[in-house]
Amino acid sequence: MKSIVFRNRDKKAIKILMREIGAYRYETALEQMKVEQRPLSMEGFYLEANDDCIFLCHRYPSGYILKLMKVEYYAMLPRDGWELIKV
């Protein structure tokens, strides 16, 4: 069964959202997920929305996808640039 999600890869909007999240909360999320290889650049970050919530995600060059944290309660979520994806 396919599920429908919305993705947003707007790097500028994601940078603004990450500023609102803050370094401390971002680092805490990485530690809680026990991430050994931290993302080195903005390349690969995207937002993913499903029926339940919105996640900040990162796709590594190897194809591994890290759903880092829920972000639906942050004010700086982008309104534009969402695309419908069937997975």
Protein backbone atom coordinates (compact mmCIF):
# COMPACT_ATOMS: atom_id res chain seq x y z
CA MET A 1 0.00 0.00 0.00
CA LYS A 2 1.38 3.38 -0.98
CA SER A 3 1.36 6.26 1.42
CA ILE A 4 1.30 9.92 0.48
CA VAL A 5 3.78 12.40 1.90
CA PHE A 6 4.70 15.96 1.07
CA ARG A 7 8.35 17.01 0.76
CA ASN A 8 9.98 20.40 0.74
CA ARG A 9 13.62 20.81 -0.30
CA ASP A 10 13.80 24.61 -0.18
CA LYS A 11 17.26 25.14 1.34
CA LYS A 12 16.63 28.79 2.21
CA ALA A 13 13.43 27.92 4.13
CA ILE A 14 15.17 25.02 5.89
CA LYS A 15 18.06 27.29 6.97
CA ILE A 16 15.56 29.75 8.47
CA LEU A 17 13.79 26.89 10.27
CA MET A 18 17.10 25.54 11.59
CA ARG A 19 17.95 28.97 13.00
CA GLU A 20 14.65 28.90 14.88
CA ILE A 21 15.38 25.37 16.12
CA GLY A 22 18.75 26.52 17.41
CA ALA A 23 22.12 24.83 17.77
CA TYR A 24 21.40 23.39 21.21
CA ARG A 25 18.17 21.63 20.17
CA TYR A 26 19.74 20.42 16.91
CA GLU A 27 22.79 18.99 18.71
CA THR A 28 20.54 17.38 21.33
CA ALA A 29 18.51 15.68 18.60
CA LEU A 30 21.69 14.34 16.99
CA GLU A 31 22.87 12.98 20.34
CA GLN A 32 19.50 11.36 21.09
CA MET A 33 19.53 9.66 17.69
CA LYS A 34 23.13 8.52 18.34
CA VAL A 35 24.24 9.91 14.98
CA GLU A 36 27.88 9.07 14.35
CA GLN A 37 28.29 10.82 11.00
CA ARG A 38 26.78 14.30 11.30
CA PRO A 39 25.50 16.09 8.18
CA LEU A 40 28.33 18.26 6.86
CA SER A 41 26.33 20.64 4.66
CA MET A 42 22.79 21.71 3.84
CA GLU A 43 22.81 19.37 0.86
CA GLY A 44 20.47 16.49 1.61
CA PHE A 45 18.19 18.23 4.13
CA TYR A 46 14.47 18.29 3.45
CA LEU A 47 11.16 18.46 5.26
CA GLU A 48 8.69 15.61 5.08
CA ALA A 49 5.02 15.84 6.09
CA ASN A 50 2.71 12.88 6.50
CA ASP A 51 -0.69 12.49 8.18
CA ASP A 52 0.84 12.57 11.65
CA CYS A 53 3.56 15.20 11.68
CA ILE A 54 6.34 17.10 9.90
CA PHE A 55 9.95 15.89 10.15
CA LEU A 56 13.30 17.49 9.45
CA CYS A 57 15.12 14.81 7.46
CA HIS A 58 18.55 14.32 5.92
CA ARG A 59 19.43 11.95 3.11
CA TYR A 60 23.08 10.89 3.09
CA PRO A 61 24.90 10.23 -0.22
CA SER A 62 24.79 6.50 0.63
CA GLY A 63 20.98 6.68 0.53
CA TYR A 64 20.42 6.38 4.30
CA ILE A 65 17.61 8.67 5.48
CA LEU A 66 17.71 10.20 8.95
CA LYS A 67 14.43 11.57 10.31
CA LEU A 68 16.06 13.90 12.78
CA MET A 69 13.22 15.61 14.61
CA LYS A 70 9.57 16.67 14.55
CA VAL A 71 9.19 20.31 13.58
CA GLU A 72 5.44 20.91 13.22
CA TYR A 73 5.30 23.30 16.19
CA TYR A 74 7.90 25.75 14.86
CA ALA A 75 6.64 29.05 13.45
CA MET A 76 9.03 29.26 10.50
CA LEU A 77 7.75 26.25 8.54
CA PRO A 78 7.61 27.08 4.83
CA ARG A 79 4.20 27.48 3.22
CA ASP A 80 5.39 27.15 -0.39
CA GLY A 81 7.48 24.58 -2.23
CA TRP A 82 5.76 21.40 -1.05
CA GLU A 83 5.50 18.54 -3.53
CA LEU A 84 3.32 15.45 -3.32
CA ILE A 85 5.23 12.14 -3.22
CA LYS A 86 3.83 8.60 -3.18
CA VAL A 87 6.04 6.15 -1.29
